[in-house]
Amino acid sequence: MEKDGIKVLVTNRKAHFNYFLSDFLECGISLMGTEIKSIRNHGANINDAYVIIRNNEAFIVNMNIAIYEKGTIYNHDPLRSRKLLLHKYQILKLNQKIEKDGYTLIPTKLYLKKGRCKVEIALGKGKKLFDKRETIKKRDDERNIAKVLKRD
């Protein structure tokens, strides 16, 4: 899955099912040495993660990065909050959307771009149960159509 120097390591498929996503944004993430080594070994999970804005800084919470097995006693805490690297005007714009319109910031992808770890975040509005049923129905219909076309 490498394209234009981008290697996608983790995707949050649950986010597309539970939220209407908009305003995708790429941002860097502040990591310790053993965290990036663990991420490169596909030891990260962003399914339960979300982004909060505290003191005009963005932090990703509940992002699980597995402990690096070759690390020493100075290994990292797997569930610590990690700072996202965004410009001040981007943080203010996102904070305004969160407070005014009731959006949530959700990480959708974790990838390497030119050797740097990046996170794609998106503004999400929660889906109701009937919206989720509609998504399941649409996915099943597309699968059935593809099956019929493949058979013919």
N, C-alpha and C. Protein backbone atom coordinates (compact mmCIF):
# COMPACT_ATOMS: atom_id res chain seq x y z
N MET A 1 0.82 -1.19 0.00
CA MET A 1 0.00 0.00 0.00
C MET A 1 0.86 1.25 0.00
N GLU A 2 1.94 1.25 -0.75
CA GLU A 2 2.79 2.43 -0.79
C GLU A 2 2.49 3.23 -2.04
N LYS A 3 2.21 4.50 -1.85
CA LYS A 3 1.89 5.38 -2.97
C LYS A 3 2.40 6.77 -2.61
N ASP A 4 3.23 7.33 -3.45
CA ASP A 4 3.79 8.66 -3.24
C ASP A 4 4.53 8.79 -1.91
N GLY A 5 5.26 7.76 -1.54
CA GLY A 5 6.01 7.80 -0.29
C GLY A 5 5.16 7.65 0.95
N ILE A 6 3.90 7.24 0.80
CA ILE A 6 2.99 7.07 1.94
C ILE A 6 2.78 5.57 2.17
N LYS A 7 3.01 5.14 3.40
CA LYS A 7 2.78 3.75 3.78
C LYS A 7 1.77 3.73 4.92
N VAL A 8 0.54 3.34 4.61
CA VAL A 8 -0.54 3.32 5.60
C VAL A 8 -0.32 2.14 6.54
N LEU A 9 -0.25 2.43 7.83
CA LEU A 9 0.00 1.39 8.83
C LEU A 9 -1.28 0.95 9.53
N VAL A 10 -2.14 1.91 9.89
CA VAL A 10 -3.37 1.60 10.63
C VAL A 10 -4.50 2.46 10.07
N THR A 11 -5.67 1.87 9.90
CA THR A 11 -6.86 2.63 9.53
C THR A 11 -7.93 2.37 10.58
N ASN A 12 -8.79 3.36 10.76
CA ASN A 12 -9.88 3.26 11.72
C ASN A 12 -11.18 3.05 10.95
N ARG A 13 -11.48 1.78 10.65
CA ARG A 13 -12.67 1.48 9.87
C ARG A 13 -13.95 1.70 10.68
N LYS A 14 -13.84 1.59 12.00
CA LYS A 14 -14.98 1.80 12.87
C LYS A 14 -15.47 3.25 12.81
N ALA A 15 -14.55 4.17 12.55
CA ALA A 15 -14.92 5.58 12.49
C ALA A 15 -15.86 5.86 11.32
N HIS A 16 -15.62 5.22 10.19
CA HIS A 16 -16.48 5.44 9.02
C HIS A 16 -17.87 4.86 9.24
N PHE A 17 -17.97 3.85 10.10
CA PHE A 17 -19.26 3.25 10.38
C PHE A 17 -20.05 4.04 11.43
N ASN A 18 -19.36 4.59 12.42
CA ASN A 18 -20.04 5.26 13.54
C ASN A 18 -20.24 6.76 13.35
N TYR A 19 -19.56 7.38 12.40
CA TYR A 19 -19.61 8.84 12.25
C TYR A 19 -19.77 9.23 10.78
N PHE A 20 -20.41 10.39 10.57
CA PHE A 20 -20.35 11.08 9.28
C PHE A 20 -19.08 11.91 9.33
N LEU A 21 -18.10 11.62 8.49
CA LEU A 21 -16.80 12.28 8.57
C LEU A 21 -16.68 13.38 7.52
N SER A 22 -16.03 14.48 7.92
CA SER A 22 -15.77 15.59 7.01
C SER A 22 -14.51 16.31 7.46
N ASP A 23 -14.02 17.22 6.66
CA ASP A 23 -12.85 18.06 6.97
C ASP A 23 -11.65 17.23 7.43
N PHE A 24 -11.14 16.40 6.54
CA PHE A 24 -9.97 15.58 6.84
C PHE A 24 -8.73 16.47 6.89
N LEU A 25 -7.83 16.17 7.82
CA LEU A 25 -6.65 17.01 8.05
C LEU A 25 -5.48 16.12 8.43
N GLU A 26 -4.33 16.37 7.79
CA GLU A 26 -3.11 15.63 8.12
C GLU A 26 -2.32 16.39 9.16
N CYS A 27 -1.83 15.68 10.17
CA CYS A 27 -1.02 16.34 11.19
C CYS A 27 0.06 15.39 11.68
N GLY A 28 1.12 15.97 12.18
CA GLY A 28 2.20 15.19 12.76
C GLY A 28 1.85 14.81 14.18
N ILE A 29 2.68 13.94 14.75
CA ILE A 29 2.44 13.48 16.11
C ILE A 29 3.78 13.41 16.84
N SER A 30 3.78 13.86 18.07
CA SER A 30 5.00 13.88 18.88
C SER A 30 5.16 12.52 19.55
N LEU A 31 6.25 11.81 19.21
CA LEU A 31 6.47 10.46 19.70
C LEU A 31 7.83 10.33 20.37
N MET A 32 7.95 9.31 21.23
CA MET A 32 9.23 8.95 21.82
C MET A 32 9.91 7.91 20.91
N GLY A 33 11.15 7.61 21.17
CA GLY A 33 11.92 6.70 20.31
C GLY A 33 11.34 5.31 20.19
N THR A 34 10.93 4.71 21.30
CA THR A 34 10.41 3.35 21.22
C THR A 34 9.01 3.31 20.62
N GLU A 35 8.29 4.43 20.66
CA GLU A 35 6.95 4.46 20.07
C GLU A 35 7.02 4.36 18.55
N ILE A 36 7.92 5.09 17.93
CA ILE A 36 8.02 5.04 16.47
C ILE A 36 8.50 3.68 16.02
N LYS A 37 9.37 3.05 16.80
CA LYS A 37 9.83 1.70 16.45
C LYS A 37 8.68 0.70 16.51
N SER A 38 7.83 0.85 17.51
CA SER A 38 6.69 -0.04 17.65
C SER A 38 5.67 0.21 16.54
N ILE A 39 5.47 1.47 16.16
CA ILE A 39 4.54 1.79 15.07
C ILE A 39 5.03 1.20 13.75
N ARG A 40 6.32 1.28 13.51
CA ARG A 40 6.89 0.71 12.28
C ARG A 40 6.71 -0.81 12.24
N ASN A 41 6.60 -1.45 13.40
CA ASN A 41 6.34 -2.90 13.48
C ASN A 41 4.85 -3.20 13.51
N HIS A 42 4.01 -2.24 13.14
CA HIS A 42 2.54 -2.37 13.11
C HIS A 42 1.98 -2.67 14.50
N GLY A 43 2.48 -1.97 15.51
CA GLY A 43 2.03 -2.20 16.87
C GLY A 43 1.13 -1.10 17.39
N ALA A 44 0.35 -0.46 16.53
CA ALA A 44 -0.51 0.65 16.96
C ALA A 44 -1.98 0.31 16.71
N ASN A 45 -2.85 0.95 17.50
CA ASN A 45 -4.29 0.75 17.38
C ASN A 45 -4.98 2.09 17.65
N ILE A 46 -5.82 2.56 16.71
CA ILE A 46 -6.50 3.84 16.87
C ILE A 46 -8.02 3.68 16.89
N ASN A 47 -8.53 2.48 17.09
CA ASN A 47 -9.98 2.26 17.03
C ASN A 47 -10.75 3.00 18.10
N ASP A 48 -10.22 3.11 19.30
CA ASP A 48 -10.94 3.79 20.39
C ASP A 48 -10.39 5.19 20.64
N ALA A 49 -9.55 5.68 19.77
CA ALA A 49 -8.89 6.96 20.00
C ALA A 49 -9.78 8.13 19.59
N TYR A 50 -9.53 9.27 20.21
CA TYR A 50 -10.18 10.52 19.85
C TYR A 50 -9.23 11.66 20.17
N VAL A 51 -9.55 12.86 19.69
CA VAL A 51 -8.68 14.02 19.86
C VAL A 51 -9.39 15.04 20.75
N ILE A 52 -8.64 15.57 21.72
CA ILE A 52 -9.17 16.64 22.56
C ILE A 52 -8.29 17.87 22.39
N ILE A 53 -8.87 19.03 22.63
CA ILE A 53 -8.12 20.29 22.57
C ILE A 53 -8.09 20.86 23.97
N ARG A 54 -6.87 21.01 24.50
CA ARG A 54 -6.65 21.49 25.85
C ARG A 54 -5.58 22.58 25.81
N ASN A 55 -5.88 23.76 26.34
CA ASN A 55 -4.93 24.90 26.36
C ASN A 55 -4.41 25.23 24.96
N ASN A 56 -5.30 25.26 23.98
CA ASN A 56 -4.97 25.54 22.59
C ASN A 56 -3.91 24.60 22.03
N GLU A 57 -3.92 23.36 22.50
CA GLU A 57 -3.07 22.31 21.97
C GLU A 57 -3.94 21.07 21.75
N ALA A 58 -3.66 20.32 20.69
CA ALA A 58 -4.42 19.12 20.38
C ALA A 58 -3.67 17.89 20.86
N PHE A 59 -4.41 16.98 21.52
CA PHE A 59 -3.83 15.74 22.03
C PHE A 59 -4.68 14.57 21.56
N ILE A 60 -4.01 13.49 21.20
CA ILE A 60 -4.73 12.25 20.85
C ILE A 60 -4.75 11.36 22.09
N VAL A 61 -5.94 10.90 22.45
CA VAL A 61 -6.16 10.13 23.67
C VAL A 61 -6.61 8.71 23.28
N ASN A 62 -6.22 7.73 24.08
CA ASN A 62 -6.59 6.32 23.90
C ASN A 62 -5.99 5.68 22.66
N MET A 63 -4.95 6.26 22.12
CA MET A 63 -4.23 5.61 21.02
C MET A 63 -3.27 4.62 21.64
N ASN A 64 -3.43 3.36 21.33
CA ASN A 64 -2.62 2.31 21.94
C ASN A 64 -1.43 1.99 21.04
N ILE A 65 -0.24 2.24 21.54
CA ILE A 65 0.99 1.84 20.85
C ILE A 65 1.63 0.78 21.73
N ALA A 66 1.75 -0.42 21.20
CA ALA A 66 2.27 -1.55 21.96
C ALA A 66 3.68 -1.27 22.46
N ILE A 67 4.02 -1.86 23.58
CA ILE A 67 5.36 -1.71 24.14
C ILE A 67 6.36 -2.37 23.19
N TYR A 68 7.45 -1.67 22.93
CA TYR A 68 8.49 -2.20 22.04
C TYR A 68 9.24 -3.31 22.76
N GLU A 69 9.22 -4.50 22.17
CA GLU A 69 9.76 -5.67 22.88
C GLU A 69 11.27 -5.62 23.08
N LYS A 70 11.98 -4.86 22.27
CA LYS A 70 13.42 -4.76 22.43
C LYS A 70 13.83 -3.52 23.22
N GLY A 71 12.85 -2.87 23.85
CA GLY A 71 13.12 -1.66 24.61
C GLY A 71 13.72 -1.98 25.98
N THR A 72 14.15 -0.92 26.66
CA THR A 72 14.77 -1.09 27.97
C THR A 72 13.77 -0.67 29.05
N ILE A 73 14.27 -0.33 30.22
CA ILE A 73 13.39 0.12 31.29
C ILE A 73 12.78 1.48 30.98
N TYR A 74 13.30 2.16 29.97
CA TYR A 74 12.78 3.48 29.59
C TYR A 74 11.75 3.37 28.48
N ASN A 75 11.07 2.24 28.41
CA ASN A 75 10.02 2.04 27.42
C ASN A 75 8.85 2.98 27.71
N HIS A 76 8.00 3.22 26.72
CA HIS A 76 6.91 4.18 26.83
C HIS A 76 5.66 3.56 27.45
N ASP A 77 4.76 4.44 27.91
CA ASP A 77 3.44 4.04 28.40
C ASP A 77 2.53 3.85 27.18
N PRO A 78 1.90 2.69 27.00
CA PRO A 78 1.13 2.42 25.78
C PRO A 78 -0.05 3.36 25.53
N LEU A 79 -0.71 3.84 26.58
CA LEU A 79 -1.93 4.64 26.39
C LEU A 79 -1.75 6.11 26.74
N ARG A 80 -0.55 6.62 26.75
CA ARG A 80 -0.35 8.02 27.13
C ARG A 80 -0.93 8.96 26.08
N SER A 81 -1.28 10.18 26.48
CA SER A 81 -1.77 11.19 25.54
C SER A 81 -0.58 11.72 24.76
N ARG A 82 -0.76 11.85 23.45
CA ARG A 82 0.32 12.32 22.59
C ARG A 82 -0.10 13.61 21.91
N LYS A 83 0.83 14.55 21.84
CA LYS A 83 0.53 15.86 21.27
C LYS A 83 0.52 15.78 19.74
N LEU A 84 -0.49 16.42 19.14
CA LEU A 84 -0.56 16.52 17.69
C LEU A 84 0.06 17.84 17.25
N LEU A 85 0.77 17.80 16.15
CA LEU A 85 1.47 18.98 15.66
C LEU A 85 0.62 19.68 14.61
N LEU A 86 -0.06 20.72 15.04
CA LEU A 86 -0.94 21.52 14.18
C LEU A 86 -0.60 22.99 14.37
N HIS A 87 -0.96 23.80 13.36
CA HIS A 87 -0.81 25.25 13.49
C HIS A 87 -1.91 25.78 14.41
N LYS A 88 -1.64 26.92 15.02
CA LYS A 88 -2.57 27.52 15.98
C LYS A 88 -3.92 27.82 15.33
N TYR A 89 -3.90 28.34 14.08
CA TYR A 89 -5.17 28.68 13.42
C TYR A 89 -5.97 27.42 13.10
N GLN A 90 -5.29 26.30 12.83
CA GLN A 90 -6.01 25.05 12.58
C GLN A 90 -6.69 24.56 13.86
N ILE A 91 -5.98 24.67 14.98
CA ILE A 91 -6.56 24.24 16.25
C ILE A 91 -7.76 25.10 16.63
N LEU A 92 -7.64 26.41 16.43
CA LEU A 92 -8.76 27.31 16.76
C LEU A 92 -9.97 27.04 15.89
N LYS A 93 -9.74 26.77 14.61
CA LYS A 93 -10.84 26.47 13.69
C LYS A 93 -11.54 25.16 14.09
N LEU A 94 -10.76 24.14 14.43
CA LEU A 94 -11.34 22.87 14.85
C LEU A 94 -12.08 23.01 16.18
N ASN A 95 -11.50 23.76 17.10
CA ASN A 95 -12.13 23.97 18.41
C ASN A 95 -13.47 24.68 18.26
N GLN A 96 -13.53 25.64 17.34
CA GLN A 96 -14.79 26.36 17.09
C GLN A 96 -15.86 25.40 16.58
N LYS A 97 -15.49 24.51 15.66
CA LYS A 97 -16.45 23.54 15.12
C LYS A 97 -16.93 22.58 16.22
N ILE A 98 -16.00 22.17 17.09
CA ILE A 98 -16.36 21.23 18.16
C ILE A 98 -17.35 21.87 19.13
N GLU A 99 -17.05 23.09 19.58
CA GLU A 99 -17.90 23.74 20.57
C GLU A 99 -19.22 24.21 19.99
N LYS A 100 -19.19 24.75 18.78
CA LYS A 100 -20.39 25.35 18.20
C LYS A 100 -21.33 24.29 17.60
N ASP A 101 -20.79 23.37 16.83
CA ASP A 101 -21.62 22.45 16.07
C ASP A 101 -21.70 21.05 16.66
N GLY A 102 -20.96 20.77 17.72
CA GLY A 102 -21.05 19.46 18.37
C GLY A 102 -20.34 18.34 17.64
N TYR A 103 -19.28 18.64 16.95
CA TYR A 103 -18.50 17.62 16.26
C TYR A 103 -17.53 16.96 17.24
N THR A 104 -16.96 15.83 16.80
CA THR A 104 -15.91 15.13 17.52
C THR A 104 -14.73 14.97 16.58
N LEU A 105 -13.52 15.05 17.11
CA LEU A 105 -12.32 14.83 16.30
C LEU A 105 -11.92 13.37 16.41
N ILE A 106 -11.85 12.68 15.28
CA ILE A 106 -11.57 11.26 15.23
C ILE A 106 -10.34 11.02 14.35
N PRO A 107 -9.36 10.23 14.81
CA PRO A 107 -8.26 9.83 13.93
C PRO A 107 -8.74 8.73 12.98
N THR A 108 -8.44 8.87 11.70
CA THR A 108 -8.89 7.89 10.71
C THR A 108 -7.76 7.03 10.16
N LYS A 109 -6.55 7.57 10.09
CA LYS A 109 -5.41 6.82 9.55
C LYS A 109 -4.14 7.17 10.31
N LEU A 110 -3.24 6.23 10.37
CA LEU A 110 -1.89 6.43 10.89
C LEU A 110 -0.96 5.91 9.82
N TYR A 111 -0.06 6.76 9.32
CA TYR A 111 0.80 6.35 8.21
C TYR A 111 2.15 7.03 8.29
N LEU A 112 3.07 6.49 7.49
CA LEU A 112 4.40 7.07 7.36
C LEU A 112 4.47 7.81 6.03
N LYS A 113 4.93 9.04 6.09
CA LYS A 113 5.06 9.85 4.88
C LYS A 113 6.48 10.41 4.86
N LYS A 114 7.27 9.92 3.92
CA LYS A 114 8.68 10.29 3.80
C LYS A 114 9.42 10.04 5.12
N GLY A 115 9.10 8.93 5.77
CA GLY A 115 9.76 8.54 7.01
C GLY A 115 9.21 9.18 8.27
N ARG A 116 8.26 10.08 8.14
CA ARG A 116 7.66 10.75 9.31
C ARG A 116 6.29 10.15 9.59
N CYS A 117 5.97 10.01 10.87
CA CYS A 117 4.67 9.46 11.27
C CYS A 117 3.62 10.57 11.22
N LYS A 118 2.54 10.32 10.51
CA LYS A 118 1.45 11.28 10.37
C LYS A 118 0.13 10.64 10.78
N VAL A 119 -0.79 11.47 11.24
CA VAL A 119 -2.13 11.02 11.61
C VAL A 119 -3.12 11.84 10.80
N GLU A 120 -4.10 11.18 10.21
CA GLU A 120 -5.18 11.88 9.52
C GLU A 120 -6.36 11.94 10.49
N ILE A 121 -6.80 13.17 10.78
CA ILE A 121 -7.95 13.34 11.67
C ILE A 121 -9.11 13.93 10.87
N ALA A 122 -10.31 13.72 11.37
CA ALA A 122 -11.50 14.22 10.69
C ALA A 122 -12.52 14.66 11.72
N LEU A 123 -13.35 15.61 11.32
CA LEU A 123 -14.48 16.01 12.14
C LEU A 123 -15.60 15.00 11.93
N GLY A 124 -16.14 14.48 13.02
CA GLY A 124 -17.17 13.46 12.92
C GLY A 124 -18.44 13.85 13.64
N LYS A 125 -19.56 13.57 13.01
CA LYS A 125 -20.87 13.76 13.62
C LYS A 125 -21.46 12.37 13.80
N GLY A 126 -21.89 12.04 15.00
CA GLY A 126 -22.35 10.69 15.31
C GLY A 126 -23.55 10.26 14.49
N LYS A 127 -23.54 9.00 14.05
CA LYS A 127 -24.65 8.43 13.30
C LYS A 127 -25.68 7.86 14.26
N LYS A 128 -26.92 7.95 13.87
CA LYS A 128 -28.00 7.30 14.62
C LYS A 128 -28.10 5.85 14.16
N LEU A 129 -28.90 5.05 14.86
CA LEU A 129 -29.01 3.63 14.56
C LEU A 129 -29.55 3.40 13.15
N PHE A 130 -30.54 4.19 12.70
CA PHE A 130 -31.10 3.98 11.37
C PHE A 130 -30.10 4.34 10.28
N ASP A 131 -29.19 5.28 10.56
CA ASP A 131 -28.14 5.60 9.59
C ASP A 131 -27.17 4.43 9.45
N LYS A 132 -26.87 3.78 10.58
CA LYS A 132 -25.97 2.62 10.54
C LYS A 132 -26.61 1.47 9.77
N ARG A 133 -27.91 1.28 9.97
CA ARG A 133 -28.62 0.22 9.23
C ARG A 133 -28.58 0.51 7.73
N GLU A 134 -28.74 1.77 7.38
CA GLU A 134 -28.70 2.16 5.97
C GLU A 134 -27.32 1.89 5.38
N THR A 135 -26.27 2.15 6.13
CA THR A 135 -24.91 1.89 5.68
C THR A 135 -24.70 0.40 5.45
N ILE A 136 -25.20 -0.43 6.37
CA ILE A 136 -25.07 -1.88 6.22
C ILE A 136 -25.83 -2.36 4.98
N LYS A 137 -27.03 -1.81 4.78
CA LYS A 137 -27.84 -2.21 3.63
C LYS A 137 -27.15 -1.83 2.32
N LYS A 138 -26.61 -0.62 2.26
CA LYS A 138 -25.92 -0.16 1.06
C LYS A 138 -24.70 -1.04 0.76
N ARG A 139 -23.95 -1.40 1.80
CA ARG A 139 -22.76 -2.23 1.63
C ARG A 139 -23.15 -3.63 1.14
N ASP A 140 -24.23 -4.19 1.68
CA ASP A 140 -24.69 -5.51 1.24
C ASP A 140 -25.18 -5.47 -0.20
N ASP A 141 -25.88 -4.42 -0.58
CA ASP A 141 -26.35 -4.28 -1.96
C ASP A 141 -25.17 -4.20 -2.94
N GLU A 142 -24.15 -3.42 -2.60
CA GLU A 142 -22.98 -3.30 -3.47
C GLU A 142 -22.27 -4.65 -3.59
N ARG A 143 -22.20 -5.39 -2.50
CA ARG A 143 -21.56 -6.71 -2.51
C ARG A 143 -22.34 -7.67 -3.41
N ASN A 144 -23.68 -7.65 -3.32
CA ASN A 144 -24.51 -8.53 -4.15
C ASN A 144 -24.40 -8.17 -5.63
N ILE A 145 -24.36 -6.88 -5.94
CA ILE A 145 -24.22 -6.45 -7.33
C ILE A 145 -22.88 -6.90 -7.90
N ALA A 146 -21.82 -6.74 -7.11
CA ALA A 146 -20.49 -7.17 -7.56
C ALA A 146 -20.44 -8.66 -7.78
N LYS A 147 -21.15 -9.43 -6.92
CA LYS A 147 -21.17 -10.89 -7.05
C LYS A 147 -21.87 -11.31 -8.34
N VAL A 148 -23.01 -10.64 -8.65
CA VAL A 148 -23.76 -10.96 -9.87
C VAL A 148 -22.95 -10.60 -11.11
N LEU A 149 -22.31 -9.44 -11.09
CA LEU A 149 -21.51 -9.02 -12.25
C LEU A 149 -20.31 -9.95 -12.45
N LYS A 150 -19.72 -10.43 -11.39
CA LYS A 150 -18.58 -11.34 -11.49
C LYS A 150 -19.00 -12.68 -12.06
N ARG A 151 -20.22 -13.13 -11.71
CA ARG A 151 -20.73 -14.41 -12.18
C ARG A 151 -21.01 -14.38 -13.68
N ASP A 152 -21.47 -13.23 -14.19
CA ASP A 152 -21.86 -13.14 -15.62
C ASP A 152 -20.71 -12.97 -16.55
